[in-house]
Amino acid sequence: RGWVNSRAPIGTFVAAVMPASEQPAPTLIELSAQVRDLQAEVSQ
């Protein structure tokens, strides 16, 4: 499920980032800002 990683023979470590299923979904405002940024890059 992406919560831990094992490194033989060192041990088991918590993943460096939360699994995607645990990441909060971006808000509409955040997505709109990303679209505007991408539109500006495409224009340039």
All heavy atoms as atom14 arrays in JSON, in Angstrom:
{
  "sequence": "RGWVNSRAPIGTFVAAVMPASEQPAPTLIELSAQVRDLQAEVSQ",
  "atom14_mask": [
    [1, 1, 1, 1, 1, 1, 1, 1, 1, 1, 1, 0, 0, 0],
    [1, 1, 1, 1, 0, 0, 0, 0, 0, 0, 0, 0, 0, 0],
    [1, 1, 1, 1, 1, 1, 1, 1, 1, 1, 1, 1, 1, 1],
    [1, 1, 1, 1, 1, 1, 1, 0, 0, 0, 0, 0, 0, 0],
    [1, 1, 1, 1, 1, 1, 1, 1, 0, 0, 0, 0, 0, 0],
    [1, 1, 1, 1, 1, 1, 0, 0, 0, 0, 0, 0, 0, 0],
    [1, 1, 1, 1, 1, 1, 1, 1, 1, 1, 1, 0, 0, 0],
    [1, 1, 1, 1, 1, 0, 0, 0, 0, 0, 0, 0, 0, 0],
    [1, 1, 1, 1, 1, 1, 1, 0, 0, 0, 0, 0, 0, 0],
    [1, 1, 1, 1, 1, 1, 1, 1, 0, 0, 0, 0, 0, 0],
    [1, 1, 1, 1, 0, 0, 0, 0, 0, 0, 0, 0, 0, 0],
    [1, 1, 1, 1, 1, 1, 1, 0, 0, 0, 0, 0, 0, 0],
    [1, 1, 1, 1, 1, 1, 1, 1, 1, 1, 1, 0, 0, 0],
    [1, 1, 1, 1, 1, 1, 1, 0, 0, 0, 0, 0, 0, 0],
    [1, 1, 1, 1, 1, 0, 0, 0, 0, 0, 0, 0, 0, 0],
    [1, 1, 1, 1, 1, 0, 0, 0, 0, 0, 0, 0, 0, 0],
    [1, 1, 1, 1, 1, 1, 1, 0, 0, 0, 0, 0, 0, 0],
    [1, 1, 1, 1, 1, 1, 1, 1, 0, 0, 0, 0, 0, 0],
    [1, 1, 1, 1, 1, 1, 1, 0, 0, 0, 0, 0, 0, 0],
    [1, 1, 1, 1, 1, 0, 0, 0, 0, 0, 0, 0, 0, 0],
    [1, 1, 1, 1, 1, 1, 0, 0, 0, 0, 0, 0, 0, 0],
    [1, 1, 1, 1, 1, 1, 1, 1, 1, 0, 0, 0, 0, 0],
    [1, 1, 1, 1, 1, 1, 1, 1, 1, 0, 0, 0, 0, 0],
    [1, 1, 1, 1, 1, 1, 1, 0, 0, 0, 0, 0, 0, 0],
    [1, 1, 1, 1, 1, 0, 0, 0, 0, 0, 0, 0, 0, 0],
    [1, 1, 1, 1, 1, 1, 1, 0, 0, 0, 0, 0, 0, 0],
    [1, 1, 1, 1, 1, 1, 1, 0, 0, 0, 0, 0, 0, 0],
    [1, 1, 1, 1, 1, 1, 1, 1, 0, 0, 0, 0, 0, 0],
    [1, 1, 1, 1, 1, 1, 1, 1, 0, 0, 0, 0, 0, 0],
    [1, 1, 1, 1, 1, 1, 1, 1, 1, 0, 0, 0, 0, 0],
    [1, 1, 1, 1, 1, 1, 1, 1, 0, 0, 0, 0, 0, 0],
    [1, 1, 1, 1, 1, 1, 0, 0, 0, 0, 0, 0, 0, 0],
    [1, 1, 1, 1, 1, 0, 0, 0, 0, 0, 0, 0, 0, 0],
    [1, 1, 1, 1, 1, 1, 1, 1, 1, 0, 0, 0, 0, 0],
    [1, 1, 1, 1, 1, 1, 1, 0, 0, 0, 0, 0, 0, 0],
    [1, 1, 1, 1, 1, 1, 1, 1, 1, 1, 1, 0, 0, 0],
    [1, 1, 1, 1, 1, 1, 1, 1, 0, 0, 0, 0, 0, 0],
    [1, 1, 1, 1, 1, 1, 1, 1, 0, 0, 0, 0, 0, 0],
    [1, 1, 1, 1, 1, 1, 1, 1, 1, 0, 0, 0, 0, 0],
    [1, 1, 1, 1, 1, 0, 0, 0, 0, 0, 0, 0, 0, 0],
    [1, 1, 1, 1, 1, 1, 1, 1, 1, 0, 0, 0, 0, 0],
    [1, 1, 1, 1, 1, 1, 1, 0, 0, 0, 0, 0, 0, 0],
    [1, 1, 1, 1, 1, 1, 0, 0, 0, 0, 0, 0, 0, 0],
    [1, 1, 1, 1, 1, 1, 1, 1, 1, 0, 0, 0, 0, 0]
  ],
  "atom14_positions": [
    [[0.81, -1.22, 0.0], [0.0, 0.0, 0.0], [0.84, 1.27, 0.0], [0.3, 2.38, 0.02], [-0.94, -0.01, 1.2], [-1.99, -1.1, 1.08], [-2.93, -1.11, 2.23], [-3.98, -2.12, 2.04], [-4.85, -2.45, 2.96], [-4.82, -1.86, 4.16], [-5.75, -3.37, 2.72], [0.0, 0.0, 0.0], [0.0, 0.0, 0.0], [0.0, 0.0, 0.0]],
    [[2.16, 1.14, 0.02], [3.05, 2.31, -0.09], [3.35, 3.0, 1.22], [3.9, 4.09, 1.23], [0.0, 0.0, 0.0], [0.0, 0.0, 0.0], [0.0, 0.0, 0.0], [0.0, 0.0, 0.0], [0.0, 0.0, 0.0], [0.0, 0.0, 0.0], [0.0, 0.0, 0.0], [0.0, 0.0, 0.0], [0.0, 0.0, 0.0], [0.0, 0.0, 0.0]],
    [[3.04, 2.37, 2.36], [3.31, 2.99, 3.66], [4.75, 2.81, 4.11], [5.28, 3.66, 4.82], [2.38, 2.41, 4.73], [0.98, 2.9, 4.63], [-0.09, 2.24, 4.09], [0.47, 4.16, 5.08], [-1.21, 3.02, 4.18], [-0.89, 4.2, 4.79], [1.07, 5.25, 5.71], [-1.7, 5.28, 5.1], [0.27, 6.32, 6.02], [-1.1, 6.34, 5.72]],
    [[5.37, 1.68, 3.77], [6.73, 1.39, 4.22], [7.56, 0.83, 3.08], [7.03, 0.36, 2.07], [6.75, 0.39, 5.41], [5.99, 0.93, 6.61], [6.24, -0.98, 5.0], [0.0, 0.0, 0.0], [0.0, 0.0, 0.0], [0.0, 0.0, 0.0], [0.0, 0.0, 0.0], [0.0, 0.0, 0.0], [0.0, 0.0, 0.0], [0.0, 0.0, 0.0]],
    [[8.88, 0.87, 3.28], [9.84, 0.28, 2.35], [10.8, -0.56, 3.17], [11.18, -0.16, 4.27], [10.64, 1.37, 1.62], [9.75, 2.29, 0.83], [9.02, 1.85, -0.03], [9.8, 3.57, 1.13], [0.0, 0.0, 0.0], [0.0, 0.0, 0.0], [0.0, 0.0, 0.0], [0.0, 0.0, 0.0], [0.0, 0.0, 0.0], [0.0, 0.0, 0.0]],
    [[11.18, -1.7, 2.64], [12.15, -2.54, 3.33], [13.48, -2.46, 2.61], [13.53, -2.46, 1.37], [11.68, -3.99, 3.37], [10.52, -4.08, 4.15], [0.0, 0.0, 0.0], [0.0, 0.0, 0.0], [0.0, 0.0, 0.0], [0.0, 0.0, 0.0], [0.0, 0.0, 0.0], [0.0, 0.0, 0.0], [0.0, 0.0, 0.0], [0.0, 0.0, 0.0]],
    [[14.55, -2.38, 3.4], [15.92, -2.36, 2.85], [16.71, -3.44, 3.56], [17.2, -3.23, 4.67], [16.56, -1.0, 3.09], [15.85, 0.12, 2.4], [16.57, 1.43, 2.59], [15.56, 2.48, 2.67], [15.71, 3.6, 3.32], [16.82, 3.84, 3.98], [14.75, 4.5, 3.36], [0.0, 0.0, 0.0], [0.0, 0.0, 0.0], [0.0, 0.0, 0.0]],
    [[16.79, -4.59, 2.9], [17.53, -5.7, 3.5], [19.02, -5.36, 3.49], [19.5, -4.77, 2.54], [17.27, -6.98, 2.72], [0.0, 0.0, 0.0], [0.0, 0.0, 0.0], [0.0, 0.0, 0.0], [0.0, 0.0, 0.0], [0.0, 0.0, 0.0], [0.0, 0.0, 0.0], [0.0, 0.0, 0.0], [0.0, 0.0, 0.0], [0.0, 0.0, 0.0]],
    [[19.76, -5.67, 4.47], [19.38, -6.2, 5.77], [19.19, -5.09, 6.82], [19.18, -5.35, 8.01], [20.58, -7.06, 6.15], [21.75, -6.29, 5.59], [21.22, -5.64, 4.31], [0.0, 0.0, 0.0], [0.0, 0.0, 0.0], [0.0, 0.0, 0.0], [0.0, 0.0, 0.0], [0.0, 0.0, 0.0], [0.0, 0.0, 0.0], [0.0, 0.0, 0.0]],
    [[18.98, -3.86, 6.36], [18.94, -2.72, 7.28], [17.65, -2.68, 8.09], [17.67, -2.45, 9.28], [19.13, -1.4, 6.5], [20.48, -1.41, 5.79], [19.02, -0.2, 7.43], [20.65, -0.29, 4.79], [0.0, 0.0, 0.0], [0.0, 0.0, 0.0], [0.0, 0.0, 0.0], [0.0, 0.0, 0.0], [0.0, 0.0, 0.0], [0.0, 0.0, 0.0]],
    [[16.51, -2.88, 7.44], [15.25, -2.85, 8.16], [14.12, -2.27, 7.33], [14.23, -2.1, 6.13], [0.0, 0.0, 0.0], [0.0, 0.0, 0.0], [0.0, 0.0, 0.0], [0.0, 0.0, 0.0], [0.0, 0.0, 0.0], [0.0, 0.0, 0.0], [0.0, 0.0, 0.0], [0.0, 0.0, 0.0], [0.0, 0.0, 0.0], [0.0, 0.0, 0.0]],
    [[13.06, -1.94, 8.03], [11.85, -1.39, 7.4], [11.72, 0.07, 7.8], [11.86, 0.42, 8.97], [10.61, -2.19, 7.84], [10.8, -3.56, 7.48], [9.35, -1.67, 7.16], [0.0, 0.0, 0.0], [0.0, 0.0, 0.0], [0.0, 0.0, 0.0], [0.0, 0.0, 0.0], [0.0, 0.0, 0.0], [0.0, 0.0, 0.0], [0.0, 0.0, 0.0]],
    [[11.44, 0.91, 6.8], [11.34, 2.35, 7.0], [9.97, 2.84, 6.56], [9.41, 2.34, 5.58], [12.4, 3.08, 6.18], [13.81, 2.8, 6.62], [14.45, 1.61, 6.28], [14.49, 3.71, 7.42], [15.74, 1.35, 6.71], [15.78, 3.45, 7.85], [16.41, 2.26, 7.49], [0.0, 0.0, 0.0], [0.0, 0.0, 0.0], [0.0, 0.0, 0.0]],
    [[9.47, 3.84, 7.27], [8.26, 4.52, 6.82], [8.6, 5.19, 5.49], [9.7, 5.73, 5.32], [7.82, 5.58, 7.87], [6.62, 6.36, 7.36], [7.5, 4.91, 9.2], [0.0, 0.0, 0.0], [0.0, 0.0, 0.0], [0.0, 0.0, 0.0], [0.0, 0.0, 0.0], [0.0, 0.0, 0.0], [0.0, 0.0, 0.0], [0.0, 0.0, 0.0]],
    [[7.69, 5.15, 4.55], [7.93, 5.77, 3.25], [8.22, 7.26, 3.44], [7.77, 7.89, 4.4], [6.71, 5.58, 2.35], [0.0, 0.0, 0.0], [0.0, 0.0, 0.0], [0.0, 0.0, 0.0], [0.0, 0.0, 0.0], [0.0, 0.0, 0.0], [0.0, 0.0, 0.0], [0.0, 0.0, 0.0], [0.0, 0.0, 0.0], [0.0, 0.0, 0.0]],
    [[8.98, 7.82, 2.52], [9.36, 9.23, 2.6], [8.18, 10.16, 2.35], [8.19, 11.31, 2.8], [10.48, 9.54, 1.62], [0.0, 0.0, 0.0], [0.0, 0.0, 0.0], [0.0, 0.0, 0.0], [0.0, 0.0, 0.0], [0.0, 0.0, 0.0], [0.0, 0.0, 0.0], [0.0, 0.0, 0.0], [0.0, 0.0, 0.0], [0.0, 0.0, 0.0]],
    [[7.17, 9.68, 1.65], [5.95, 10.45, 1.41], [4.75, 9.55, 1.67], [4.83, 8.33, 1.56], [5.86, 10.99, -0.05], [6.95, 11.99, -0.32], [5.91, 9.87, -1.05], [0.0, 0.0, 0.0], [0.0, 0.0, 0.0], [0.0, 0.0, 0.0], [0.0, 0.0, 0.0], [0.0, 0.0, 0.0], [0.0, 0.0, 0.0], [0.0, 0.0, 0.0]],
    [[3.65, 10.18, 2.03], [2.42, 9.42, 2.28], [1.97, 8.77, 0.98], [2.17, 9.34, -0.1], [1.32, 10.35, 2.79], [1.62, 10.98, 4.12], [1.46, 9.86, 5.49], [-0.23, 10.12, 5.9], [0.0, 0.0, 0.0], [0.0, 0.0, 0.0], [0.0, 0.0, 0.0], [0.0, 0.0, 0.0], [0.0, 0.0, 0.0], [0.0, 0.0, 0.0]],
    [[1.33, 7.61, 1.05], [0.79, 7.0, -0.16], [-0.17, 7.95, -0.87], [-0.83, 8.78, -0.22], [0.05, 5.76, 0.35], [0.63, 5.49, 1.7], [1.07, 6.82, 2.24], [0.0, 0.0, 0.0], [0.0, 0.0, 0.0], [0.0, 0.0, 0.0], [0.0, 0.0, 0.0], [0.0, 0.0, 0.0], [0.0, 0.0, 0.0], [0.0, 0.0, 0.0]],
    [[-0.25, 7.82, -2.18], [-1.12, 8.71, -2.96], [-2.55, 8.67, -2.46], [-3.25, 9.69, -2.47], [-1.06, 8.32, -4.44], [0.0, 0.0, 0.0], [0.0, 0.0, 0.0], [0.0, 0.0, 0.0], [0.0, 0.0, 0.0], [0.0, 0.0, 0.0], [0.0, 0.0, 0.0], [0.0, 0.0, 0.0], [0.0, 0.0, 0.0], [0.0, 0.0, 0.0]],
    [[-2.99, 7.52, -1.99], [-4.37, 7.4, -1.5], [-4.6, 8.25, -0.26], [-5.74, 8.53, 0.09], [-4.7, 5.95, -1.19], [-3.84, 5.45, -0.17], [0.0, 0.0, 0.0], [0.0, 0.0, 0.0], [0.0, 0.0, 0.0], [0.0, 0.0, 0.0], [0.0, 0.0, 0.0], [0.0, 0.0, 0.0], [0.0, 0.0, 0.0], [0.0, 0.0, 0.0]],
    [[-3.54, 8.67, 0.41], [-3.65, 9.47, 1.63], [-3.42, 10.95, 1.39], [-3.63, 11.76, 2.27], [-2.64, 8.98, 2.67], [-2.91, 7.58, 3.15], [-4.18, 7.47, 3.97], [-4.45, 8.36, 4.8], [-4.9, 6.48, 3.78], [0.0, 0.0, 0.0], [0.0, 0.0, 0.0], [0.0, 0.0, 0.0], [0.0, 0.0, 0.0], [0.0, 0.0, 0.0]],
    [[-2.96, 11.29, 0.19], [-2.69, 12.69, -0.12], [-4.02, 13.42, -0.3], [-4.93, 12.9, -0.93], [-1.87, 12.81, -1.42], [-0.51, 12.16, -1.35], [0.45, 12.92, -0.49], [0.29, 14.1, -0.24], [1.46, 12.23, 0.0], [0.0, 0.0, 0.0], [0.0, 0.0, 0.0], [0.0, 0.0, 0.0], [0.0, 0.0, 0.0], [0.0, 0.0, 0.0]],
    [[-4.13, 14.61, 0.26], [-5.38, 15.35, 0.06], [-5.53, 15.76, -1.41], [-4.56, 16.09, -2.07], [-5.22, 16.58, 0.96], [-3.75, 16.72, 1.19], [-3.17, 15.33, 1.06], [0.0, 0.0, 0.0], [0.0, 0.0, 0.0], [0.0, 0.0, 0.0], [0.0, 0.0, 0.0], [0.0, 0.0, 0.0], [0.0, 0.0, 0.0], [0.0, 0.0, 0.0]],
    [[-6.75, 15.69, -1.89], [-7.01, 16.1, -3.26], [-6.85, 17.61, -3.37], [-7.22, 18.35, -2.46], [-8.42, 15.69, -3.66], [0.0, 0.0, 0.0], [0.0, 0.0, 0.0], [0.0, 0.0, 0.0], [0.0, 0.0, 0.0], [0.0, 0.0, 0.0], [0.0, 0.0, 0.0], [0.0, 0.0, 0.0], [0.0, 0.0, 0.0], [0.0, 0.0, 0.0]],
    [[-6.29, 18.09, -4.48], [-6.14, 19.54, -4.63], [-7.51, 20.21, -4.73], [-8.46, 19.63, -5.24], [-5.36, 19.7, -5.94], [-5.49, 18.4, -6.64], [-5.79, 17.35, -5.62], [0.0, 0.0, 0.0], [0.0, 0.0, 0.0], [0.0, 0.0, 0.0], [0.0, 0.0, 0.0], [0.0, 0.0, 0.0], [0.0, 0.0, 0.0], [0.0, 0.0, 0.0]],
    [[-7.57, 21.42, -4.25], [-8.83, 22.18, -4.31], [-9.01, 22.74, -5.71], [-8.06, 22.82, -6.5], [-8.83, 23.34, -3.3], [-7.83, 24.29, -3.7], [-8.57, 22.86, -1.88], [0.0, 0.0, 0.0], [0.0, 0.0, 0.0], [0.0, 0.0, 0.0], [0.0, 0.0, 0.0], [0.0, 0.0, 0.0], [0.0, 0.0, 0.0], [0.0, 0.0, 0.0]],
    [[-10.21, 23.17, -6.0], [-10.5, 23.77, -7.3], [-9.66, 25.03, -7.51], [-9.16, 25.28, -8.6], [-12.0, 24.09, -7.4], [-12.49, 24.6, -8.74], [-12.13, 23.62, -9.86], [-13.98, 24.82, -8.7], [0.0, 0.0, 0.0], [0.0, 0.0, 0.0], [0.0, 0.0, 0.0], [0.0, 0.0, 0.0], [0.0, 0.0, 0.0], [0.0, 0.0, 0.0]],
    [[-9.46, 25.78, -6.45], [-8.64, 27.0, -6.55], [-7.2, 26.65, -6.9], [-6.59, 27.28, -7.76], [-8.71, 27.8, -5.23], [-10.13, 28.35, -5.04], [-7.68, 28.92, -5.19], [-10.4, 28.96, -3.69], [0.0, 0.0, 0.0], [0.0, 0.0, 0.0], [0.0, 0.0, 0.0], [0.0, 0.0, 0.0], [0.0, 0.0, 0.0], [0.0, 0.0, 0.0]],
    [[-6.67, 25.6, -6.25], [-5.29, 25.18, -6.55], [-5.18, 24.69, -7.98], [-4.21, 25.01, -8.69], [-4.85, 24.08, -5.57], [-4.69, 24.55, -4.15], [-4.52, 23.41, -3.16], [-5.05, 22.3, -3.39], [-3.86, 23.64, -2.14], [0.0, 0.0, 0.0], [0.0, 0.0, 0.0], [0.0, 0.0, 0.0], [0.0, 0.0, 0.0], [0.0, 0.0, 0.0]],
    [[-6.16, 23.91, -8.43], [-6.13, 23.42, -9.8], [-6.25, 24.56, -10.8], [-5.56, 24.58, -11.83], [-7.27, 22.41, -10.03], [-7.1, 21.06, -9.32], [-8.35, 20.22, -9.5], [-5.89, 20.32, -9.83], [0.0, 0.0, 0.0], [0.0, 0.0, 0.0], [0.0, 0.0, 0.0], [0.0, 0.0, 0.0], [0.0, 0.0, 0.0], [0.0, 0.0, 0.0]],
    [[-7.08, 25.54, -10.51], [-7.22, 26.7, -11.4], [-5.91, 27.46, -11.5], [-5.51, 27.89, -12.59], [-8.32, 27.64, -10.89], [-9.57, 27.01, -10.95], [0.0, 0.0, 0.0], [0.0, 0.0, 0.0], [0.0, 0.0, 0.0], [0.0, 0.0, 0.0], [0.0, 0.0, 0.0], [0.0, 0.0, 0.0], [0.0, 0.0, 0.0], [0.0, 0.0, 0.0]],
    [[-5.22, 27.62, -10.39], [-3.93, 28.31, -10.4], [-2.91, 27.53, -11.23], [-2.13, 28.13, -11.99], [-3.42, 28.51, -8.97], [0.0, 0.0, 0.0], [0.0, 0.0, 0.0], [0.0, 0.0, 0.0], [0.0, 0.0, 0.0], [0.0, 0.0, 0.0], [0.0, 0.0, 0.0], [0.0, 0.0, 0.0], [0.0, 0.0, 0.0], [0.0, 0.0, 0.0]],
    [[-2.92, 26.22, -11.11], [-2.0, 25.4, -11.9], [-2.3, 25.53, -13.39], [-1.38, 25.63, -14.21], [-2.08, 23.93, -11.47], [-1.48, 23.66, -10.11], [-1.66, 22.22, -9.67], [-2.28, 21.4, -10.36], [-1.13, 21.9, -8.5], [0.0, 0.0, 0.0], [0.0, 0.0, 0.0], [0.0, 0.0, 0.0], [0.0, 0.0, 0.0], [0.0, 0.0, 0.0]],
    [[-3.58, 25.55, -13.75], [-3.97, 25.71, -15.16], [-3.5, 27.06, -15.68], [-2.94, 27.16, -16.78], [-5.5, 25.53, -15.34], [-5.95, 25.99, -16.72], [-5.89, 24.08, -15.09], [0.0, 0.0, 0.0], [0.0, 0.0, 0.0], [0.0, 0.0, 0.0], [0.0, 0.0, 0.0], [0.0, 0.0, 0.0], [0.0, 0.0, 0.0], [0.0, 0.0, 0.0]],
    [[-3.7, 28.13, -14.9], [-3.23, 29.46, -15.32], [-1.72, 29.47, -15.53], [-1.22, 30.02, -16.51], [-3.62, 30.52, -14.29], [-5.04, 31.04, -14.41], [-5.28, 32.29, -13.57], [-4.92, 32.13, -12.17], [-5.69, 31.57, -11.24], [-6.89, 31.13, -11.56], [-5.29, 31.46, -9.99], [0.0, 0.0, 0.0], [0.0, 0.0, 0.0], [0.0, 0.0, 0.0]],
    [[-0.98, 28.86, -14.61], [0.48, 28.8, -14.74], [0.89, 28.05, -16.0], [1.79, 28.48, -16.73], [1.11, 28.13, -13.51], [0.99, 28.97, -12.25], [0.66, 30.17, -12.34], [1.21, 28.4, -11.15], [0.0, 0.0, 0.0], [0.0, 0.0, 0.0], [0.0, 0.0, 0.0], [0.0, 0.0, 0.0], [0.0, 0.0, 0.0], [0.0, 0.0, 0.0]],
    [[0.21, 26.94, -16.25], [0.53, 26.15, -17.45], [0.18, 26.92, -18.73], [0.92, 26.87, -19.71], [-0.2, 24.81, -17.41], [0.33, 23.81, -16.38], [-0.6, 22.61, -16.28], [1.74, 23.37, -16.73], [0.0, 0.0, 0.0], [0.0, 0.0, 0.0], [0.0, 0.0, 0.0], [0.0, 0.0, 0.0], [0.0, 0.0, 0.0], [0.0, 0.0, 0.0]],
    [[-0.94, 27.64, -18.71], [-1.3, 28.44, -19.88], [-0.24, 29.51, -20.15], [0.12, 29.76, -21.3], [-2.67, 29.09, -19.67], [-3.82, 28.11, -19.76], [-5.15, 28.72, -19.37], [-5.23, 29.59, -18.5], [-6.23, 28.23, -19.99], [0.0, 0.0, 0.0], [0.0, 0.0, 0.0], [0.0, 0.0, 0.0], [0.0, 0.0, 0.0], [0.0, 0.0, 0.0]],
    [[0.27, 30.14, -19.11], [1.3, 31.16, -19.27], [2.58, 30.54, -19.85], [3.21, 31.11, -20.74], [1.6, 31.83, -17.93], [0.0, 0.0, 0.0], [0.0, 0.0, 0.0], [0.0, 0.0, 0.0], [0.0, 0.0, 0.0], [0.0, 0.0, 0.0], [0.0, 0.0, 0.0], [0.0, 0.0, 0.0], [0.0, 0.0, 0.0], [0.0, 0.0, 0.0]],
    [[2.94, 29.35, -19.36], [4.14, 28.68, -19.88], [3.96, 28.32, -21.35], [4.88, 28.5, -22.15], [4.43, 27.41, -19.07], [5.07, 27.67, -17.73], [5.46, 26.37, -17.04], [6.12, 25.52, -17.67], [5.1, 26.22, -15.86], [0.0, 0.0, 0.0], [0.0, 0.0, 0.0], [0.0, 0.0, 0.0], [0.0, 0.0, 0.0], [0.0, 0.0, 0.0]],
    [[2.8, 27.82, -21.72], [2.53, 27.46, -23.11], [2.61, 28.7, -23.99], [3.2, 28.67, -25.08], [1.16, 26.75, -23.25], [0.73, 26.65, -24.71], [1.21, 25.38, -22.6], [0.0, 0.0, 0.0], [0.0, 0.0, 0.0], [0.0, 0.0, 0.0], [0.0, 0.0, 0.0], [0.0, 0.0, 0.0], [0.0, 0.0, 0.0], [0.0, 0.0, 0.0]],
    [[2.08, 29.79, -23.51], [2.13, 31.04, -24.28], [3.57, 31.48, -24.49], [3.95, 31.87, -25.61], [1.34, 32.13, -23.54], [1.41, 33.34, -24.23], [0.0, 0.0, 0.0], [0.0, 0.0, 0.0], [0.0, 0.0, 0.0], [0.0, 0.0, 0.0], [0.0, 0.0, 0.0], [0.0, 0.0, 0.0], [0.0, 0.0, 0.0], [0.0, 0.0, 0.0]],
    [[4.38, 31.41, -23.45], [5.8, 31.79, -23.58], [6.52, 30.86, -24.55], [7.33, 31.31, -25.37], [6.48, 31.75, -22.21], [6.05, 32.85, -21.27], [6.62, 32.67, -19.87], [7.16, 31.63, -19.54], [6.45, 33.69, -19.04], [0.0, 0.0, 0.0], [0.0, 0.0, 0.0], [0.0, 0.0, 0.0], [0.0, 0.0, 0.0], [0.0, 0.0, 0.0]]
  ]
}
